[in-house]
Amino acid sequence: MSSDKPTSSGNYGAVMKGSLKLKGGASVKKKKKKREEEQAMMHIEQPEVPQAYDEDHGIPKTLAERKFEVAKAQREAEALGRELKLTHREKMERFNEHLSKLSEHFDIPKVGPG
């Protein structure tokens, strides 16, 4: 009693294992980086900066995180300054002027009689 179904090993009998062979025959080798020299330069160029700690977790913050927080605080201060300059009436007048300058393309057309 032979079965007509191929076995699982029979399905993959012709498969070639190994790395992909590219045309040209020359293999590409990656250059090794000189990490020791880079690390020495990093230590020389960067002065010691006092570390700020995250209040919630006590983890030291990176320079990028500190710069981000300073920029965020400045943006918030500018936004508050802009908001405090205008009263509600002035804001509504500006908004209405903006709406009046828009084309009628955005108006809702009337449909049907009436």
N, C-alpha and C. Protein backbone atom coordinates (compact mmCIF):
# COMPACT_ATOMS: atom_id res chain seq x y z
N MET A 1 0.84 -1.18 0.00
CA MET A 1 0.00 0.00 0.00
C MET A 1 0.89 1.25 0.00
N SER A 2 1.14 1.75 -1.14
CA SER A 2 1.92 2.98 -1.22
C SER A 2 0.96 4.16 -1.31
N SER A 3 1.31 5.24 -0.62
CA SER A 3 0.44 6.41 -0.66
C SER A 3 0.91 7.35 -1.76
N ASP A 4 -0.04 8.04 -2.36
CA ASP A 4 0.29 8.96 -3.44
C ASP A 4 0.78 10.31 -2.90
N LYS A 5 0.59 10.57 -1.60
CA LYS A 5 0.99 11.84 -1.02
C LYS A 5 2.49 11.81 -0.70
N PRO A 6 3.21 12.85 -1.06
CA PRO A 6 4.63 12.88 -0.71
C PRO A 6 4.80 13.16 0.79
N THR A 7 5.85 12.64 1.35
CA THR A 7 6.12 12.85 2.77
C THR A 7 6.68 14.25 2.96
N SER A 8 6.70 14.68 4.20
CA SER A 8 7.19 16.02 4.48
C SER A 8 8.66 16.17 4.12
N SER A 9 9.44 15.13 4.29
CA SER A 9 10.85 15.24 3.92
C SER A 9 11.01 15.17 2.41
N GLY A 10 10.10 14.54 1.71
CA GLY A 10 10.14 14.47 0.27
C GLY A 10 9.85 15.80 -0.39
N ASN A 11 9.03 16.63 0.25
CA ASN A 11 8.70 17.94 -0.30
C ASN A 11 9.92 18.86 -0.34
N TYR A 12 10.79 18.71 0.61
CA TYR A 12 11.93 19.61 0.75
C TYR A 12 13.25 18.92 0.43
N GLY A 13 13.21 17.85 -0.29
CA GLY A 13 14.42 17.10 -0.60
C GLY A 13 15.37 17.87 -1.50
N ALA A 14 14.86 18.73 -2.38
CA ALA A 14 15.69 19.45 -3.33
C ALA A 14 16.11 20.83 -2.83
N VAL A 15 15.81 21.13 -1.60
CA VAL A 15 16.12 22.45 -1.07
C VAL A 15 17.61 22.55 -0.76
N MET A 16 18.23 23.65 -1.18
CA MET A 16 19.63 23.88 -0.89
C MET A 16 19.72 24.72 0.37
N LYS A 17 20.45 24.25 1.33
CA LYS A 17 20.61 24.98 2.59
C LYS A 17 21.87 25.82 2.52
N GLY A 18 21.88 26.88 3.28
CA GLY A 18 23.06 27.74 3.34
C GLY A 18 22.71 29.17 3.01
N SER A 19 23.74 30.01 2.93
CA SER A 19 23.51 31.42 2.67
C SER A 19 23.22 31.66 1.21
N LEU A 20 22.64 32.80 0.92
CA LEU A 20 22.26 33.16 -0.43
C LEU A 20 23.52 33.50 -1.22
N LYS A 21 23.66 32.92 -2.39
CA LYS A 21 24.82 33.16 -3.25
C LYS A 21 24.44 34.25 -4.24
N LEU A 22 25.21 35.33 -4.27
CA LEU A 22 24.95 36.44 -5.17
C LEU A 22 25.83 36.34 -6.39
N LYS A 23 25.41 37.00 -7.48
CA LYS A 23 26.20 37.00 -8.70
C LYS A 23 27.50 37.75 -8.48
N GLY A 24 28.51 37.43 -9.26
CA GLY A 24 29.77 38.12 -9.16
C GLY A 24 30.78 37.35 -8.34
N GLY A 25 30.35 36.50 -7.50
CA GLY A 25 31.22 35.63 -6.73
C GLY A 25 31.98 36.31 -5.61
N ALA A 26 32.14 37.62 -5.64
CA ALA A 26 32.90 38.29 -4.59
C ALA A 26 32.01 38.48 -3.38
N SER A 27 32.48 38.07 -2.27
CA SER A 27 31.70 38.23 -1.05
C SER A 27 31.98 39.61 -0.46
N VAL A 28 30.97 40.20 0.12
CA VAL A 28 31.09 41.53 0.71
C VAL A 28 31.44 41.36 2.17
N LYS A 29 32.53 41.98 2.58
CA LYS A 29 32.94 41.91 3.98
C LYS A 29 32.77 43.29 4.59
N LYS A 30 32.26 43.30 5.79
CA LYS A 30 32.06 44.56 6.48
C LYS A 30 33.36 45.00 7.12
N LYS A 31 33.60 46.30 7.08
CA LYS A 31 34.80 46.84 7.70
C LYS A 31 34.55 46.96 9.19
N LYS A 32 35.56 46.63 9.96
CA LYS A 32 35.45 46.77 11.40
C LYS A 32 35.71 48.21 11.79
N LYS A 33 34.92 48.70 12.69
CA LYS A 33 35.08 50.08 13.14
C LYS A 33 36.11 50.14 14.25
N LYS A 34 36.80 51.24 14.31
CA LYS A 34 37.80 51.43 15.35
C LYS A 34 37.09 52.07 16.55
N ARG A 35 36.54 51.24 17.36
CA ARG A 35 35.73 51.72 18.49
C ARG A 35 36.58 52.33 19.59
N GLU A 36 37.75 51.83 19.79
CA GLU A 36 38.59 52.34 20.87
C GLU A 36 38.94 53.81 20.63
N GLU A 37 39.29 54.16 19.37
CA GLU A 37 39.63 55.54 19.07
C GLU A 37 38.41 56.44 19.21
N GLU A 38 37.25 55.95 18.75
CA GLU A 38 36.02 56.75 18.85
C GLU A 38 35.65 57.00 20.30
N GLN A 39 35.78 55.98 21.13
CA GLN A 39 35.43 56.14 22.53
C GLN A 39 36.39 57.09 23.22
N ALA A 40 37.67 57.03 22.86
CA ALA A 40 38.64 57.95 23.45
C ALA A 40 38.30 59.38 23.07
N MET A 41 37.90 59.60 21.81
CA MET A 41 37.54 60.94 21.36
C MET A 41 36.27 61.42 22.05
N MET A 42 35.33 60.52 22.29
CA MET A 42 34.09 60.89 22.96
C MET A 42 34.37 61.36 24.38
N HIS A 43 35.27 60.70 25.06
CA HIS A 43 35.58 61.07 26.44
C HIS A 43 36.31 62.40 26.49
N ILE A 44 37.12 62.68 25.50
CA ILE A 44 37.87 63.93 25.50
C ILE A 44 36.96 65.10 25.16
N GLU A 45 36.09 64.95 24.16
CA GLU A 45 35.27 66.05 23.67
C GLU A 45 34.15 66.45 24.62
N GLN A 46 33.59 65.51 25.34
CA GLN A 46 32.43 65.80 26.16
C GLN A 46 32.85 66.09 27.60
N PRO A 47 32.64 67.31 28.06
CA PRO A 47 32.91 67.60 29.47
C PRO A 47 31.84 66.99 30.35
N GLU A 48 32.16 66.82 31.58
CA GLU A 48 31.20 66.25 32.53
C GLU A 48 30.06 67.25 32.76
N VAL A 49 28.85 66.78 32.59
CA VAL A 49 27.66 67.60 32.77
C VAL A 49 26.92 67.06 33.98
N PRO A 50 26.51 67.94 34.91
CA PRO A 50 25.75 67.42 36.05
C PRO A 50 24.47 66.78 35.57
N GLN A 51 24.16 65.63 36.14
CA GLN A 51 22.99 64.87 35.67
C GLN A 51 21.74 65.30 36.41
N ALA A 52 20.67 65.45 35.64
CA ALA A 52 19.35 65.71 36.21
C ALA A 52 18.66 64.36 36.30
N TYR A 53 17.88 64.18 37.35
CA TYR A 53 17.22 62.90 37.56
C TYR A 53 15.72 63.03 37.33
N ASP A 54 15.14 61.97 36.80
CA ASP A 54 13.70 61.89 36.62
C ASP A 54 13.07 61.80 38.00
N GLU A 55 12.10 62.68 38.27
CA GLU A 55 11.49 62.72 39.61
C GLU A 55 10.75 61.44 39.94
N ASP A 56 10.13 60.83 38.93
CA ASP A 56 9.30 59.65 39.18
C ASP A 56 10.13 58.40 39.44
N HIS A 57 11.22 58.23 38.67
CA HIS A 57 11.93 56.96 38.72
C HIS A 57 13.35 57.07 39.24
N GLY A 58 13.90 58.26 39.36
CA GLY A 58 15.26 58.41 39.84
C GLY A 58 16.30 58.00 38.81
N ILE A 59 15.93 58.00 37.52
CA ILE A 59 16.84 57.61 36.45
C ILE A 59 17.49 58.89 35.91
N PRO A 60 18.80 58.89 35.69
CA PRO A 60 19.43 60.10 35.14
C PRO A 60 18.92 60.40 33.74
N LYS A 61 18.70 61.69 33.46
CA LYS A 61 18.19 62.11 32.16
C LYS A 61 19.36 62.38 31.22
N THR A 62 19.14 62.10 29.95
CA THR A 62 20.16 62.37 28.95
C THR A 62 20.13 63.84 28.56
N LEU A 63 21.15 64.26 27.84
CA LEU A 63 21.24 65.65 27.40
C LEU A 63 20.06 65.98 26.48
N ALA A 64 19.69 65.07 25.62
CA ALA A 64 18.57 65.30 24.70
C ALA A 64 17.26 65.46 25.48
N GLU A 65 17.07 64.65 26.51
CA GLU A 65 15.84 64.75 27.31
C GLU A 65 15.76 66.11 28.02
N ARG A 66 16.91 66.57 28.53
CA ARG A 66 16.92 67.86 29.21
C ARG A 66 16.64 68.99 28.23
N LYS A 67 17.24 68.93 27.03
CA LYS A 67 16.99 69.97 26.03
C LYS A 67 15.54 69.96 25.60
N PHE A 68 14.95 68.76 25.47
CA PHE A 68 13.55 68.64 25.09
C PHE A 68 12.65 69.30 26.13
N GLU A 69 12.93 69.07 27.40
CA GLU A 69 12.10 69.65 28.46
C GLU A 69 12.20 71.17 28.49
N VAL A 70 13.40 71.71 28.24
CA VAL A 70 13.58 73.16 28.21
C VAL A 70 12.79 73.75 27.04
N ALA A 71 12.90 73.12 25.86
CA ALA A 71 12.17 73.62 24.69
C ALA A 71 10.67 73.52 24.90
N LYS A 72 10.23 72.43 25.54
CA LYS A 72 8.80 72.25 25.80
C LYS A 72 8.28 73.34 26.74
N ALA A 73 9.05 73.67 27.76
CA ALA A 73 8.65 74.71 28.71
C ALA A 73 8.57 76.06 28.00
N GLN A 74 9.51 76.34 27.09
CA GLN A 74 9.47 77.60 26.35
C GLN A 74 8.25 77.67 25.44
N ARG A 75 7.93 76.56 24.77
CA ARG A 75 6.75 76.54 23.89
C ARG A 75 5.47 76.76 24.70
N GLU A 76 5.39 76.14 25.87
CA GLU A 76 4.20 76.31 26.72
C GLU A 76 4.07 77.76 27.18
N ALA A 77 5.20 78.37 27.54
CA ALA A 77 5.17 79.76 28.00
C ALA A 77 4.72 80.68 26.87
N GLU A 78 5.22 80.44 25.64
CA GLU A 78 4.80 81.26 24.49
C GLU A 78 3.31 81.08 24.21
N ALA A 79 2.83 79.84 24.30
CA ALA A 79 1.41 79.58 24.04
C ALA A 79 0.54 80.28 25.07
N LEU A 80 0.94 80.24 26.33
CA LEU A 80 0.18 80.92 27.37
C LEU A 80 0.18 82.42 27.14
N GLY A 81 1.32 82.95 26.73
CA GLY A 81 1.41 84.39 26.46
C GLY A 81 0.48 84.80 25.34
N ARG A 82 0.40 83.97 24.29
CA ARG A 82 -0.49 84.28 23.18
C ARG A 82 -1.95 84.20 23.61
N GLU A 83 -2.27 83.21 24.43
CA GLU A 83 -3.66 83.02 24.87
C GLU A 83 -4.10 84.16 25.78
N LEU A 84 -3.20 84.65 26.61
CA LEU A 84 -3.58 85.69 27.57
C LEU A 84 -3.73 87.05 26.90
N LYS A 85 -3.12 87.25 25.73
CA LYS A 85 -3.20 88.54 25.07
C LYS A 85 -4.59 88.82 24.52
N LEU A 86 -5.29 87.80 24.06
CA LEU A 86 -6.58 88.00 23.41
C LEU A 86 -7.73 87.68 24.35
N THR A 87 -8.76 88.52 24.28
CA THR A 87 -9.97 88.23 25.03
C THR A 87 -10.84 87.30 24.20
N HIS A 88 -11.89 86.81 24.77
CA HIS A 88 -12.79 85.91 24.06
C HIS A 88 -13.40 86.62 22.85
N ARG A 89 -13.78 87.86 23.03
CA ARG A 89 -14.39 88.62 21.94
C ARG A 89 -13.41 88.77 20.77
N GLU A 90 -12.14 89.06 21.07
CA GLU A 90 -11.14 89.21 20.01
C GLU A 90 -10.90 87.88 19.28
N LYS A 91 -10.90 86.80 20.03
CA LYS A 91 -10.72 85.48 19.42
C LYS A 91 -11.87 85.17 18.47
N MET A 92 -13.11 85.49 18.89
CA MET A 92 -14.27 85.24 18.05
C MET A 92 -14.25 86.12 16.80
N GLU A 93 -13.81 87.36 16.94
CA GLU A 93 -13.72 88.25 15.79
C GLU A 93 -12.71 87.71 14.77
N ARG A 94 -11.56 87.26 15.26
CA ARG A 94 -10.55 86.68 14.38
C ARG A 94 -11.10 85.44 13.66
N PHE A 95 -11.79 84.61 14.41
CA PHE A 95 -12.35 83.39 13.82
C PHE A 95 -13.38 83.72 12.75
N ASN A 96 -14.24 84.68 13.01
CA ASN A 96 -15.25 85.07 12.04
C ASN A 96 -14.61 85.68 10.79
N GLU A 97 -13.53 86.47 10.97
CA GLU A 97 -12.82 87.02 9.82
C GLU A 97 -12.24 85.88 8.97
N HIS A 98 -11.69 84.89 9.63
CA HIS A 98 -11.12 83.74 8.94
C HIS A 98 -12.19 83.01 8.13
N LEU A 99 -13.36 82.81 8.75
CA LEU A 99 -14.44 82.13 8.06
C LEU A 99 -14.95 82.95 6.87
N SER A 100 -14.97 84.26 7.00
CA SER A 100 -15.47 85.09 5.90
C SER A 100 -14.50 85.08 4.72
N LYS A 101 -13.22 84.83 4.95
CA LYS A 101 -12.23 84.80 3.88
C LYS A 101 -12.23 83.46 3.13
N LEU A 102 -12.83 82.44 3.70
CA LEU A 102 -12.87 81.14 3.03
C LEU A 102 -13.80 81.20 1.83
N SER A 103 -13.49 80.38 0.85
CA SER A 103 -14.34 80.34 -0.33
C SER A 103 -15.65 79.64 0.00
N GLU A 104 -16.61 79.78 -0.90
CA GLU A 104 -17.91 79.16 -0.66
C GLU A 104 -17.89 77.68 -0.95
N HIS A 105 -16.74 77.19 -1.33
CA HIS A 105 -16.60 75.77 -1.59
C HIS A 105 -16.94 74.94 -0.34
N PHE A 106 -16.69 75.51 0.81
CA PHE A 106 -16.90 74.77 2.04
C PHE A 106 -18.32 74.91 2.57
N ASP A 107 -19.14 75.78 1.96
CA ASP A 107 -20.52 75.96 2.41
C ASP A 107 -21.34 74.71 2.07
N ILE A 108 -22.32 74.43 2.89
CA ILE A 108 -23.20 73.29 2.66
C ILE A 108 -24.30 73.73 1.71
N PRO A 109 -24.42 73.06 0.57
CA PRO A 109 -25.45 73.46 -0.40
C PRO A 109 -26.84 73.08 0.09
N LYS A 110 -27.83 73.87 -0.29
CA LYS A 110 -29.21 73.54 0.06
C LYS A 110 -29.71 72.46 -0.89
N VAL A 111 -30.41 71.50 -0.32
CA VAL A 111 -30.95 70.42 -1.12
C VAL A 111 -32.47 70.42 -0.97
N GLY A 112 -33.15 70.42 -2.08
CA GLY A 112 -34.61 70.35 -2.05
C GLY A 112 -35.24 71.71 -1.92
N PRO A 113 -36.57 71.75 -1.93
CA PRO A 113 -37.27 73.04 -1.84
C PRO A 113 -37.18 73.62 -0.45
N GLY A 114 -37.13 74.89 -0.40
CA GLY A 114 -37.21 75.48 0.92
C GLY A 114 -36.18 76.42 1.19
